[in-house]
Amino acid sequence: MSIGGTARSDRKTALVFGVSGQDGAYLAQLLLGKGYAVHGTSRDREMAGFANLRRLGLFGRVALHSAVLTDFRSVVEVIARVRPAEIYNLASQASVGLSFEQPVETLNSTITSTINILEAIRFLRLDTRFYSACSSECFGNTGAPADESTPFHPRSPYGVGKAAAYWAVANYREAYGLFACSGILFNHESPLRPTRYVTQKIVRGAADIAEGKAEVLELGRLTIARDWGWAPEYVDAMARMLALDEPEDFVIATGEAHRLEDFVAQAFSCFGLDWRRHVVSNPDLLRPSDIAVSVGNPAKAQRLLGWRAERRMTEVVAGLVEAELQQRKR
């Protein structure tokens, strides 16, 4: 294995860690459309189903590799083999709720994977641009919409891990001159989300009630407020970050906060249902600590990336409902 040289400049090659997830699949779709050769990883490519790539019609168009991000040798080997111009790290334990049950795994998967990739780029002396998936969970509660200068105050192991990864990226950028940046993304949804995410739980629950398969949907606290956007738009912001002349971190958000109760009402209305007759708040579903309000200020992204969220909460709900109805017809 050669460890010298720079990334090939004669090809647009991207390596996506976490290509099988929601953001990874949409990012692969975007980059393929731009003419990139796209590579992606899974812990075991022979065993992974890559359902999201298949759903988007991308399976077979992405070169797949096995890689364990907490294993430095595994990371170095795949990066040395692909020698990408761009690396996107979208892989980690991605459930905030699950992070309370698996704090060590969550922290390890988030921090170690990020440092392994950064160290591999430095070790291989590659001129590779690196994007790290950060999260609005780093901010905790936001009084005013959070921007890039807002202090972090995470309220979950997931948020703690993402905050640590953010500072690791900043450290490698400043200490070694790497082109490395973090996208601090607020909630972004799509039909590729699994049911454990509350937005899909709501839409699928409403659909089941409309079809007579269920009568009640149990949720946690309905008063929380979130900044909900559309995932395919958010991966476009990731690609724009790596196209800049200099690396910078960005908040990616709609700039609007809506209560979960409003999201529920919108979803149930799409099925002609009154949510008050079917939704109950179950204290057993509450987290040890939660964020009351989370909303971002995307002004910097609008100014420097030319990026703006087009779909807001109502359009996000409509897109999820439409996709769910189409899926049930198949």
C-alpha atoms as a PDB file:
ATOM      1  CA  MET A   1       0.000   0.000   0.000  1.00  0.00           C
ATOM      2  CA  SER A   2       1.446   3.323  -1.052  1.00  0.00           C
ATOM      3  CA  ILE A   3       1.224   6.049   1.569  1.00  0.00           C
ATOM      4  CA  GLY A   4       2.563   9.002  -0.396  1.00  0.00           C
ATOM      5  CA  GLY A   5       1.299  11.388  -3.036  1.00  0.00           C
ATOM      6  CA  THR A   6      -1.848  13.420  -3.435  1.00  0.00           C
ATOM      7  CA  ALA A   7      -5.383  12.616  -4.438  1.00  0.00           C
ATOM      8  CA  ARG A   8      -5.891  12.322  -8.187  1.00  0.00           C
ATOM      9  CA  SER A   9      -7.049  15.582  -9.684  1.00  0.00           C
ATOM     10  CA  ASP A  10      -8.042  14.111 -13.048  1.00  0.00           C
ATOM     11  CA  ARG A  11     -11.212  12.511 -11.657  1.00  0.00           C
ATOM     12  CA  LYS A  12     -14.063  13.644  -9.505  1.00  0.00           C
ATOM     13  CA  THR A  13     -14.041  10.881  -6.920  1.00  0.00           C
ATOM     14  CA  ALA A  14     -15.937  10.958  -3.651  1.00  0.00           C
ATOM     15  CA  LEU A  15     -15.905   8.516  -0.752  1.00  0.00           C
ATOM     16  CA  VAL A  16     -19.009   8.476   1.440  1.00  0.00           C
ATOM     17  CA  PHE A  17     -18.727   6.823   4.827  1.00  0.00           C
ATOM     18  CA  GLY A  18     -22.290   5.898   5.794  1.00  0.00           C
ATOM     19  CA  VAL A  19     -23.576   5.682   2.228  1.00  0.00           C
ATOM     20  CA  SER A  20     -26.419   3.353   3.231  1.00  0.00           C
ATOM     21  CA  GLY A  21     -28.124   5.915   5.477  1.00  0.00           C
ATOM     22  CA  GLN A  22     -30.621   8.601   4.513  1.00  0.00           C
ATOM     23  CA  ASP A  23     -28.085  11.354   3.886  1.00  0.00           C
ATOM     24  CA  GLY A  24     -25.533   8.996   2.355  1.00  0.00           C
ATOM     25  CA  ALA A  25     -27.977   7.712  -0.253  1.00  0.00           C
ATOM     26  CA  TYR A  26     -29.203  11.181  -1.234  1.00  0.00           C
ATOM     27  CA  LEU A  27     -25.639  12.493  -1.352  1.00  0.00           C
ATOM     28  CA  ALA A  28     -24.593   9.603  -3.608  1.00  0.00           C
ATOM     29  CA  GLN A  29     -27.511  10.438  -5.897  1.00  0.00           C
ATOM     30  CA  LEU A  30     -26.472  14.095  -6.024  1.00  0.00           C
ATOM     31  CA  LEU A  31     -22.800  13.387  -6.696  1.00  0.00           C
ATOM     32  CA  LEU A  32     -23.526  10.793  -9.374  1.00  0.00           C
ATOM     33  CA  GLY A  33     -25.666  13.402 -11.085  1.00  0.00           C
ATOM     34  CA  LYS A  34     -22.677  15.741 -11.045  1.00  0.00           C
ATOM     35  CA  GLY A  35     -20.497  13.155 -12.774  1.00  0.00           C
ATOM     36  CA  TYR A  36     -18.568  11.893  -9.754  1.00  0.00           C
ATOM     37  CA  ALA A  37     -17.277   8.382  -9.321  1.00  0.00           C
ATOM     38  CA  VAL A  38     -18.894   7.585  -5.973  1.00  0.00           C
ATOM     39  CA  HIS A  39     -17.553   5.082  -3.472  1.00  0.00           C
ATOM     40  CA  GLY A  40     -19.311   4.139  -0.257  1.00  0.00           C
ATOM     41  CA  THR A  41     -18.699   2.009   2.784  1.00  0.00           C
ATOM     42  CA  SER A  42     -20.500  -0.339   5.114  1.00  0.00           C
ATOM     43  CA  ARG A  43     -19.159  -2.377   7.989  1.00  0.00           C
ATOM     44  CA  ASP A  44     -19.598  -5.490   5.824  1.00  0.00           C
ATOM     45  CA  ARG A  45     -20.583  -4.823   2.224  1.00  0.00           C
ATOM     46  CA  GLU A  46     -21.443  -8.493   1.658  1.00  0.00           C
ATOM     47  CA  MET A  47     -23.994  -8.516   4.458  1.00  0.00           C
ATOM     48  CA  ALA A  48     -25.492  -5.024   4.135  1.00  0.00           C
ATOM     49  CA  GLY A  49     -28.736  -4.729   2.218  1.00  0.00           C
ATOM     50  CA  PHE A  50     -28.224  -1.107   1.067  1.00  0.00           C
ATOM     51  CA  ALA A  51     -32.003  -0.675   0.983  1.00  0.00           C
ATOM     52  CA  ASN A  52     -31.829   3.096   0.534  1.00  0.00           C
ATOM     53  CA  LEU A  53     -29.480   2.839  -2.449  1.00  0.00           C
ATOM     54  CA  ARG A  54     -31.806   0.267  -3.973  1.00  0.00           C
ATOM     55  CA  ARG A  55     -34.851   2.431  -3.321  1.00  0.00           C
ATOM     56  CA  LEU A  56     -33.225   5.345  -5.173  1.00  0.00           C
ATOM     57  CA  GLY A  57     -32.090   3.081  -8.013  1.00  0.00           C
ATOM     58  CA  LEU A  58     -28.419   3.599  -7.179  1.00  0.00           C
ATOM     59  CA  PHE A  59     -27.326   0.094  -6.207  1.00  0.00           C
ATOM     60  CA  GLY A  60     -24.692  -0.994  -8.692  1.00  0.00           C
ATOM     61  CA  ARG A  61     -23.725   2.589  -9.490  1.00  0.00           C
ATOM     62  CA  VAL A  62     -21.823   3.113  -6.244  1.00  0.00           C
ATOM     63  CA  ALA A  63     -18.563   1.224  -5.660  1.00  0.00           C
ATOM     64  CA  LEU A  64     -18.962  -0.384  -2.245  1.00  0.00           C
ATOM     65  CA  HIS A  65     -16.262  -1.212   0.297  1.00  0.00           C
ATOM     66  CA  SER A  66     -16.141  -2.758   3.754  1.00  0.00           C
ATOM     67  CA  ALA A  67     -14.776  -0.459   6.438  1.00  0.00           C
ATOM     68  CA  VAL A  68     -14.961  -0.245  10.221  1.00  0.00           C
ATOM     69  CA  LEU A  69     -14.538   3.400  11.144  1.00  0.00           C
ATOM     70  CA  THR A  70     -13.356   2.712  14.685  1.00  0.00           C
ATOM     71  CA  ASP A  71     -10.466   0.656  13.224  1.00  0.00           C
ATOM     72  CA  PHE A  72      -7.731   2.999  11.970  1.00  0.00           C
ATOM     73  CA  ARG A  73      -6.168   0.409   9.656  1.00  0.00           C
ATOM     74  CA  SER A  74      -9.525  -0.269   8.029  1.00  0.00           C
ATOM     75  CA  VAL A  75     -10.041   3.455   7.411  1.00  0.00           C
ATOM     76  CA  VAL A  76      -6.538   3.968   6.017  1.00  0.00           C
ATOM     77  CA  GLU A  77      -6.852   1.018   3.656  1.00  0.00           C
ATOM     78  CA  VAL A  78     -10.094   2.130   2.030  1.00  0.00           C
ATOM     79  CA  ILE A  79      -8.955   5.750   1.692  1.00  0.00           C
ATOM     80  CA  ALA A  80      -5.614   4.645   0.204  1.00  0.00           C
ATOM     81  CA  ARG A  81      -7.437   2.380  -2.246  1.00  0.00           C
ATOM     82  CA  VAL A  82      -9.928   5.013  -3.420  1.00  0.00           C
ATOM     83  CA  ARG A  83      -7.711   8.106  -3.050  1.00  0.00           C
ATOM     84  CA  PRO A  84     -10.761  10.380  -3.221  1.00  0.00           C
ATOM     85  CA  ALA A  85     -10.837  14.089  -3.915  1.00  0.00           C
ATOM     86  CA  GLU A  86     -13.644  14.402  -1.362  1.00  0.00           C
ATOM     87  CA  ILE A  87     -14.601  12.434   1.741  1.00  0.00           C
ATOM     88  CA  TYR A  88     -17.946  12.733   3.505  1.00  0.00           C
ATOM     89  CA  ASN A  89     -18.316  11.196   6.954  1.00  0.00           C
ATOM     90  CA  LEU A  90     -22.016  10.543   7.543  1.00  0.00           C
ATOM     91  CA  ALA A  91     -21.535   7.377   9.572  1.00  0.00           C
ATOM     92  CA  SER A  92     -22.219   7.067  13.292  1.00  0.00           C
ATOM     93  CA  GLN A  93     -24.894   5.917  15.700  1.00  0.00           C
ATOM     94  CA  ALA A  94     -27.518   8.417  14.546  1.00  0.00           C
ATOM     95  CA  SER A  95     -30.383   8.128  17.053  1.00  0.00           C
ATOM     96  CA  VAL A  96     -30.516  10.709  19.852  1.00  0.00           C
ATOM     97  CA  GLY A  97     -32.878   8.542  21.891  1.00  0.00           C
ATOM     98  CA  LEU A  98     -30.736   5.434  21.482  1.00  0.00           C
ATOM     99  CA  SER A  99     -27.655   7.368  22.574  1.00  0.00           C
ATOM    100  CA  PHE A 100     -28.999   7.431  26.148  1.00  0.00           C
ATOM    101  CA  GLU A 101     -29.130   3.627  26.093  1.00  0.00           C
ATOM    102  CA  GLN A 102     -25.797   3.195  24.293  1.00  0.00           C
ATOM    103  CA  PRO A 103     -23.668   6.191  25.358  1.00  0.00           C
ATOM    104  CA  VAL A 104     -20.252   4.547  24.988  1.00  0.00           C
ATOM    105  CA  GLU A 105     -20.996   3.135  21.531  1.00  0.00           C
ATOM    106  CA  THR A 106     -22.428   6.491  20.446  1.00  0.00           C
ATOM    107  CA  LEU A 107     -19.436   8.503  21.636  1.00  0.00           C
ATOM    108  CA  ASN A 108     -16.935   5.993  20.262  1.00  0.00           C
ATOM    109  CA  SER A 109     -18.555   5.768  16.836  1.00  0.00           C
ATOM    110  CA  THR A 110     -18.749   9.549  16.506  1.00  0.00           C
ATOM    111  CA  ILE A 111     -15.413  10.742  17.879  1.00  0.00           C
ATOM    112  CA  THR A 112     -13.139   7.868  16.890  1.00  0.00           C
ATOM    113  CA  SER A 113     -14.431   7.653  13.326  1.00  0.00           C
ATOM    114  CA  THR A 114     -13.895  11.366  12.753  1.00  0.00           C
ATOM    115  CA  ILE A 115     -10.346  11.373  14.115  1.00  0.00           C
ATOM    116  CA  ASN A 116      -9.458   8.193  12.206  1.00  0.00           C
ATOM    117  CA  ILE A 117     -10.475   9.786   8.904  1.00  0.00           C
ATOM    118  CA  LEU A 118      -8.680  13.048   9.653  1.00  0.00           C
ATOM    119  CA  GLU A 119      -5.541  11.209  10.735  1.00  0.00           C
ATOM    120  CA  ALA A 120      -5.699   8.961   7.657  1.00  0.00           C
ATOM    121  CA  ILE A 121      -5.821  11.977   5.333  1.00  0.00           C
ATOM    122  CA  ARG A 122      -2.820  13.446   7.158  1.00  0.00           C
ATOM    123  CA  PHE A 123      -0.961  10.123   7.293  1.00  0.00           C
ATOM    124  CA  LEU A 124      -1.444   9.478   3.575  1.00  0.00           C
ATOM    125  CA  ARG A 125      -0.552  13.106   2.753  1.00  0.00           C
ATOM    126  CA  LEU A 126      -3.623  13.473   0.557  1.00  0.00           C
ATOM    127  CA  ASP A 127      -5.001  16.722  -0.757  1.00  0.00           C
ATOM    128  CA  THR A 128      -8.500  15.478   0.079  1.00  0.00           C
ATOM    129  CA  ARG A 129     -11.385  17.689   1.152  1.00  0.00           C
ATOM    130  CA  PHE A 130     -13.284  16.401   4.163  1.00  0.00           C
ATOM    131  CA  TYR A 131     -16.880  16.998   5.262  1.00  0.00           C
ATOM    132  CA  SER A 132     -17.969  15.959   8.751  1.00  0.00           C
ATOM    133  CA  ALA A 133     -21.635  15.611   9.679  1.00  0.00           C
ATOM    134  CA  CYS A 134     -22.227  17.667  12.799  1.00  0.00           C
ATOM    135  CA  SER A 135     -25.629  18.273  14.381  1.00  0.00           C
ATOM    136  CA  SER A 136     -27.927  20.868  15.869  1.00  0.00           C
ATOM    137  CA  GLU A 137     -27.931  18.648  18.966  1.00  0.00           C
ATOM    138  CA  CYS A 138     -24.615  20.319  19.860  1.00  0.00           C
ATOM    139  CA  PHE A 139     -26.466  23.541  20.696  1.00  0.00           C
ATOM    140  CA  GLY A 140     -29.043  22.089  23.051  1.00  0.00           C
ATOM    141  CA  ASN A 141     -31.843  24.587  23.640  1.00  0.00           C
ATOM    142  CA  THR A 142     -31.734  27.590  21.351  1.00  0.00           C
ATOM    143  CA  GLY A 143     -33.324  30.806  22.590  1.00  0.00           C
ATOM    144  CA  ALA A 144     -32.628  32.762  19.432  1.00  0.00           C
ATOM    145  CA  PRO A 145     -31.911  30.832  16.203  1.00  0.00           C
ATOM    146  CA  ALA A 146     -28.411  29.357  16.536  1.00  0.00           C
ATOM    147  CA  ASP A 147     -25.656  30.355  14.138  1.00  0.00           C
ATOM    148  CA  GLU A 148     -21.997  29.384  13.791  1.00  0.00           C
ATOM    149  CA  SER A 149     -20.978  31.507  16.803  1.00  0.00           C
ATOM    150  CA  THR A 150     -23.584  30.102  19.227  1.00  0.00           C
ATOM    151  CA  PRO A 151     -21.965  28.188  22.142  1.00  0.00           C
ATOM    152  CA  PHE A 152     -22.559  24.451  22.396  1.00  0.00           C
ATOM    153  CA  HIS A 153     -24.562  22.970  25.277  1.00  0.00           C
ATOM    154  CA  PRO A 154     -25.462  19.400  24.236  1.00  0.00           C
ATOM    155  CA  ARG A 155     -28.142  17.555  26.204  1.00  0.00           C
ATOM    156  CA  SER A 156     -27.562  13.972  25.037  1.00  0.00           C
ATOM    157  CA  PRO A 157     -24.618  11.589  24.538  1.00  0.00           C
ATOM    158  CA  TYR A 158     -25.259  11.985  20.809  1.00  0.00           C
ATOM    159  CA  GLY A 159     -24.850  15.758  21.078  1.00  0.00           C
ATOM    160  CA  VAL A 160     -21.727  15.401  23.224  1.00  0.00           C
ATOM    161  CA  GLY A 161     -20.137  13.143  20.612  1.00  0.00           C
ATOM    162  CA  LYS A 162     -21.000  15.460  17.752  1.00  0.00           C
ATOM    163  CA  ALA A 163     -19.592  18.446  19.645  1.00  0.00           C
ATOM    164  CA  ALA A 164     -16.323  16.594  20.237  1.00  0.00           C
ATOM    165  CA  ALA A 165     -16.119  15.647  16.554  1.00  0.00           C
ATOM    166  CA  TYR A 166     -16.732  19.276  15.579  1.00  0.00           C
ATOM    167  CA  TRP A 167     -13.741  20.430  17.632  1.00  0.00           C
ATOM    168  CA  ALA A 168     -11.570  17.611  16.265  1.00  0.00           C
ATOM    169  CA  VAL A 169     -12.282  18.844  12.728  1.00  0.00           C
ATOM    170  CA  ALA A 170     -11.462  22.412  13.725  1.00  0.00           C
ATOM    171  CA  ASN A 171      -8.232  21.257  15.370  1.00  0.00           C
ATOM    172  CA  TYR A 172      -6.987  19.351  12.320  1.00  0.00           C
ATOM    173  CA  ARG A 173      -7.912  22.265  10.070  1.00  0.00           C
ATOM    174  CA  GLU A 174      -5.954  24.724  12.185  1.00  0.00           C
ATOM    175  CA  ALA A 175      -3.031  22.480  13.185  1.00  0.00           C
ATOM    176  CA  TYR A 176      -2.363  20.716   9.876  1.00  0.00           C
ATOM    177  CA  GLY A 177      -3.999  22.911   7.254  1.00  0.00           C
ATOM    178  CA  LEU A 178      -6.455  20.238   6.129  1.00  0.00           C
ATOM    179  CA  PHE A 179      -9.486  21.239   4.091  1.00  0.00           C
ATOM    180  CA  ALA A 180     -11.912  19.994   6.724  1.00  0.00           C
ATOM    181  CA  CYS A 181     -15.295  21.420   7.635  1.00  0.00           C
ATOM    182  CA  SER A 182     -18.413  20.578   9.622  1.00  0.00           C
ATOM    183  CA  GLY A 183     -22.016  20.967   8.571  1.00  0.00           C
ATOM    184  CA  ILE A 184     -24.173  21.701  11.612  1.00  0.00           C
ATOM    185  CA  LEU A 185     -27.430  20.349  10.257  1.00  0.00           C
ATOM    186  CA  PHE A 186     -30.777  20.804  11.940  1.00  0.00           C
ATOM    187  CA  ASN A 187     -33.510  18.168  11.604  1.00  0.00           C
ATOM    188  CA  HIS A 188     -33.959  17.043   8.021  1.00  0.00           C
ATOM    189  CA  GLU A 189     -36.405  14.363   6.993  1.00  0.00           C
ATOM    190  CA  SER A 190     -37.274  12.145   4.034  1.00  0.00           C
ATOM    191  CA  PRO A 191     -39.057   8.888   3.172  1.00  0.00           C
ATOM    192  CA  LEU A 192     -35.754   7.073   3.770  1.00  0.00           C
ATOM    193  CA  ARG A 193     -35.951   7.627   7.534  1.00  0.00           C
ATOM    194  CA  PRO A 194     -36.684   4.455   9.561  1.00  0.00           C
ATOM    195  CA  THR A 195     -39.729   4.329  11.850  1.00  0.00           C
ATOM    196  CA  ARG A 196     -37.681   5.011  15.006  1.00  0.00           C
ATOM    197  CA  TYR A 197     -37.541   8.659  13.924  1.00  0.00           C
ATOM    198  CA  VAL A 198     -40.579  10.464  15.268  1.00  0.00           C
ATOM    199  CA  THR A 199     -41.513  12.084  11.943  1.00  0.00           C
ATOM    200  CA  GLN A 200     -41.882   8.712  10.244  1.00  0.00           C
ATOM    201  CA  LYS A 201     -43.563   7.261  13.312  1.00  0.00           C
ATOM    202  CA  ILE A 202     -46.184  10.018  13.048  1.00  0.00           C
ATOM    203  CA  VAL A 203     -46.808   9.663   9.316  1.00  0.00           C
ATOM    204  CA  ARG A 204     -46.955   5.876   9.384  1.00  0.00           C
ATOM    205  CA  GLY A 205     -49.073   5.925  12.525  1.00  0.00           C
ATOM    206  CA  ALA A 206     -51.579   8.269  10.914  1.00  0.00           C
ATOM    207  CA  ALA A 207     -51.672   6.071   7.804  1.00  0.00           C
ATOM    208  CA  ASP A 208     -52.328   2.972   9.915  1.00  0.00           C
ATOM    209  CA  ILE A 209     -55.167   4.720  11.752  1.00  0.00           C
ATOM    210  CA  ALA A 210     -56.685   5.915   8.465  1.00  0.00           C
ATOM    211  CA  GLU A 211     -56.602   2.320   7.191  1.00  0.00           C
ATOM    212  CA  GLY A 212     -58.163   0.975  10.373  1.00  0.00           C
ATOM    213  CA  LYS A 213     -55.026  -0.913  11.399  1.00  0.00           C
ATOM    214  CA  ALA A 214     -54.635   1.087  14.622  1.00  0.00           C
ATOM    215  CA  GLU A 215     -56.619   3.462  16.800  1.00  0.00           C
ATOM    216  CA  VAL A 216     -53.996   5.256  18.894  1.00  0.00           C
ATOM    217  CA  LEU A 217     -50.530   6.679  18.355  1.00  0.00           C
ATOM    218  CA  GLU A 218     -48.320   7.108  21.431  1.00  0.00           C
ATOM    219  CA  LEU A 219     -45.758   9.893  21.399  1.00  0.00           C
ATOM    220  CA  GLY A 220     -43.578  11.673  23.947  1.00  0.00           C
ATOM    221  CA  ARG A 221     -43.661  15.409  24.659  1.00  0.00           C
ATOM    222  CA  LEU A 222     -45.730  17.271  22.046  1.00  0.00           C
ATOM    223  CA  THR A 223     -44.627  20.769  23.044  1.00  0.00           C
ATOM    224  CA  ILE A 224     -41.039  20.494  21.787  1.00  0.00           C
ATOM    225  CA  ALA A 225     -40.233  22.645  18.749  1.00  0.00           C
ATOM    226  CA  ARG A 226     -37.877  21.730  15.915  1.00  0.00           C
ATOM    227  CA  ASP A 227     -36.508  23.207  12.688  1.00  0.00           C
ATOM    228  CA  TRP A 228     -37.556  20.622  10.084  1.00  0.00           C
ATOM    229  CA  GLY A 229     -36.139  20.561   6.555  1.00  0.00           C
ATOM    230  CA  TRP A 230     -35.944  18.218   3.568  1.00  0.00           C
ATOM    231  CA  ALA A 231     -32.939  15.870   3.423  1.00  0.00           C
ATOM    232  CA  PRO A 232     -32.244  15.989  -0.358  1.00  0.00           C
ATOM    233  CA  GLU A 233     -31.817  19.762  -0.055  1.00  0.00           C
ATOM    234  CA  TYR A 234     -29.452  19.435   2.897  1.00  0.00           C
ATOM    235  CA  VAL A 235     -26.994  17.111   1.137  1.00  0.00           C
ATOM    236  CA  ASP A 236     -26.697  19.762  -1.574  1.00  0.00           C
ATOM    237  CA  ALA A 237     -25.347  22.098   1.110  1.00  0.00           C
ATOM    238  CA  MET A 238     -22.709  19.482   2.017  1.00  0.00           C
ATOM    239  CA  ALA A 239     -21.393  19.366  -1.541  1.00  0.00           C
ATOM    240  CA  ARG A 240     -21.350  23.162  -1.746  1.00  0.00           C
ATOM    241  CA  MET A 241     -19.177  23.360   1.361  1.00  0.00           C
ATOM    242  CA  LEU A 242     -16.445  21.302  -0.281  1.00  0.00           C
ATOM    243  CA  ALA A 243     -16.589  23.471  -3.403  1.00  0.00           C
ATOM    244  CA  LEU A 244     -15.499  26.610  -1.532  1.00  0.00           C
ATOM    245  CA  ASP A 245     -12.000  28.046  -1.868  1.00  0.00           C
ATOM    246  CA  GLU A 246     -11.436  27.772   1.894  1.00  0.00           C
ATOM    247  CA  PRO A 247     -12.972  25.396   4.476  1.00  0.00           C
ATOM    248  CA  GLU A 248     -15.645  26.837   6.748  1.00  0.00           C
ATOM    249  CA  ASP A 249     -18.312  25.433   9.065  1.00  0.00           C
ATOM    250  CA  PHE A 250     -21.981  26.118   8.368  1.00  0.00           C
ATOM    251  CA  VAL A 251     -25.352  25.919  10.079  1.00  0.00           C
ATOM    252  CA  ILE A 252     -27.874  24.332   7.699  1.00  0.00           C
ATOM    253  CA  ALA A 253     -31.503  24.955   8.648  1.00  0.00           C
ATOM    254  CA  THR A 254     -34.779  26.460   7.485  1.00  0.00           C
ATOM    255  CA  GLY A 255     -34.755  29.153  10.168  1.00  0.00           C
ATOM    256  CA  GLU A 256     -38.272  28.215  11.297  1.00  0.00           C
ATOM    257  CA  ALA A 257     -39.321  26.282  14.410  1.00  0.00           C
ATOM    258  CA  HIS A 258     -42.597  24.365  14.736  1.00  0.00           C
ATOM    259  CA  ARG A 259     -43.987  22.399  17.662  1.00  0.00           C
ATOM    260  CA  LEU A 260     -44.263  18.654  17.335  1.00  0.00           C
ATOM    261  CA  GLU A 261     -47.979  19.112  17.946  1.00  0.00           C
ATOM    262  CA  ASP A 262     -48.174  21.197  14.751  1.00  0.00           C
ATOM    263  CA  PHE A 263     -46.313  18.509  12.809  1.00  0.00           C
ATOM    264  CA  VAL A 264     -48.753  15.899  14.112  1.00  0.00           C
ATOM    265  CA  ALA A 265     -51.780  18.029  13.240  1.00  0.00           C
ATOM    266  CA  GLN A 266     -50.490  18.594   9.721  1.00  0.00           C
ATOM    267  CA  ALA A 267     -49.790  14.914   9.134  1.00  0.00           C
ATOM    268  CA  PHE A 268     -53.157  13.716  10.449  1.00  0.00           C
ATOM    269  CA  SER A 269     -55.005  16.351   8.432  1.00  0.00           C
ATOM    270  CA  CYS A 270     -53.484  14.879   5.268  1.00  0.00           C
ATOM    271  CA  PHE A 271     -55.443  11.709   6.065  1.00  0.00           C
ATOM    272  CA  GLY A 272     -58.612  13.586   7.010  1.00  0.00           C
ATOM    273  CA  LEU A 273     -58.136  12.815  10.710  1.00  0.00           C
ATOM    274  CA  ASP A 274     -58.399  14.877  13.891  1.00  0.00           C
ATOM    275  CA  TRP A 275     -55.165  14.082  15.728  1.00  0.00           C
ATOM    276  CA  ARG A 276     -56.695  14.897  19.139  1.00  0.00           C
ATOM    277  CA  ARG A 277     -58.873  11.792  18.872  1.00  0.00           C
ATOM    278  CA  HIS A 278     -55.949   9.443  18.291  1.00  0.00           C
ATOM    279  CA  VAL A 279     -52.701  10.786  19.789  1.00  0.00           C
ATOM    280  CA  VAL A 280     -51.703  10.367  23.426  1.00  0.00           C
ATOM    281  CA  SER A 281     -48.575  11.478  25.260  1.00  0.00           C
ATOM    282  CA  ASN A 282     -46.850   8.594  27.037  1.00  0.00           C
ATOM    283  CA  PRO A 283     -44.415   9.603  29.837  1.00  0.00           C
ATOM    284  CA  ASP A 284     -42.480   6.360  29.256  1.00  0.00           C
ATOM    285  CA  LEU A 285     -41.345   7.744  25.901  1.00  0.00           C
ATOM    286  CA  LEU A 286     -39.698  10.837  27.389  1.00  0.00           C
ATOM    287  CA  ARG A 287     -35.905  11.093  27.306  1.00  0.00           C
ATOM    288  CA  PRO A 288     -33.801  11.716  30.434  1.00  0.00           C
ATOM    289  CA  SER A 289     -33.231  15.219  29.071  1.00  0.00           C
ATOM    290  CA  ASP A 290     -34.609  16.813  25.947  1.00  0.00           C
ATOM    291  CA  ILE A 291     -34.380  20.001  23.942  1.00  0.00           C
ATOM    292  CA  ALA A 292     -37.404  22.265  24.232  1.00  0.00           C
ATOM    293  CA  VAL A 293     -36.662  24.441  21.194  1.00  0.00           C
ATOM    294  CA  SER A 294     -34.150  23.874  18.399  1.00  0.00           C
ATOM    295  CA  VAL A 295     -33.952  26.324  15.492  1.00  0.00           C
ATOM    296  CA  GLY A 296     -31.070  27.466  13.301  1.00  0.00           C
ATOM    297  CA  ASN A 297     -29.990  30.623  11.515  1.00  0.00           C
ATOM    298  CA  PRO A 298     -28.859  29.715   7.959  1.00  0.00           C
ATOM    299  CA  ALA A 299     -27.802  33.266   6.985  1.00  0.00           C
ATOM    300  CA  LYS A 300     -24.148  32.327   6.438  1.00  0.00           C
ATOM    301  CA  ALA A 301     -25.083  29.413   4.173  1.00  0.00           C
ATOM    302  CA  GLN A 302     -27.349  31.691   2.163  1.00  0.00           C
ATOM    303  CA  ARG A 303     -24.603  34.289   1.847  1.00  0.00           C
ATOM    304  CA  LEU A 304     -21.557  32.125   1.078  1.00  0.00           C
ATOM    305  CA  LEU A 305     -23.032  28.920  -0.361  1.00  0.00           C
ATOM    306  CA  GLY A 306     -26.017  30.373  -2.158  1.00  0.00           C
ATOM    307  CA  TRP A 307     -28.073  27.744  -0.326  1.00  0.00           C
ATOM    308  CA  ARG A 308     -31.589  28.168   0.989  1.00  0.00           C
ATOM    309  CA  ALA A 309     -34.121  25.631   2.237  1.00  0.00           C
ATOM    310  CA  GLU A 310     -37.074  25.460  -0.124  1.00  0.00           C
ATOM    311  CA  ARG A 311     -39.279  22.993   1.752  1.00  0.00           C
ATOM    312  CA  ARG A 312     -40.524  24.040   5.184  1.00  0.00           C
ATOM    313  CA  MET A 313     -42.479  21.994   7.710  1.00  0.00           C
ATOM    314  CA  THR A 314     -45.784  21.761   5.829  1.00  0.00           C
ATOM    315  CA  GLU A 315     -44.036  20.771   2.584  1.00  0.00           C
ATOM    316  CA  VAL A 316     -41.912  18.237   4.468  1.00  0.00           C
ATOM    317  CA  VAL A 317     -45.032  16.614   5.916  1.00  0.00           C
ATOM    318  CA  ALA A 318     -46.712  16.577   2.503  1.00  0.00           C
ATOM    319  CA  GLY A 319     -43.648  14.891   0.966  1.00  0.00           C
ATOM    320  CA  LEU A 320     -43.539  12.229   3.663  1.00  0.00           C
ATOM    321  CA  VAL A 321     -47.251  11.500   3.372  1.00  0.00           C
ATOM    322  CA  GLU A 322     -47.123  11.269  -0.414  1.00  0.00           C
ATOM    323  CA  ALA A 323     -44.192   8.849  -0.282  1.00  0.00           C
ATOM    324  CA  GLU A 324     -45.903   6.724   2.384  1.00  0.00           C
ATOM    325  CA  LEU A 325     -49.074   6.439   0.314  1.00  0.00           C
ATOM    326  CA  GLN A 326     -47.103   5.459  -2.760  1.00  0.00           C
ATOM    327  CA  GLN A 327     -45.181   2.849  -0.781  1.00  0.00           C
ATOM    328  CA  ARG A 328     -48.411   1.308   0.538  1.00  0.00           C
ATOM    329  CA  LYS A 329     -49.807   0.937  -2.965  1.00  0.00           C
ATOM    330  CA  ARG A 330     -46.928  -1.269  -4.020  1.00  0.00           C
END
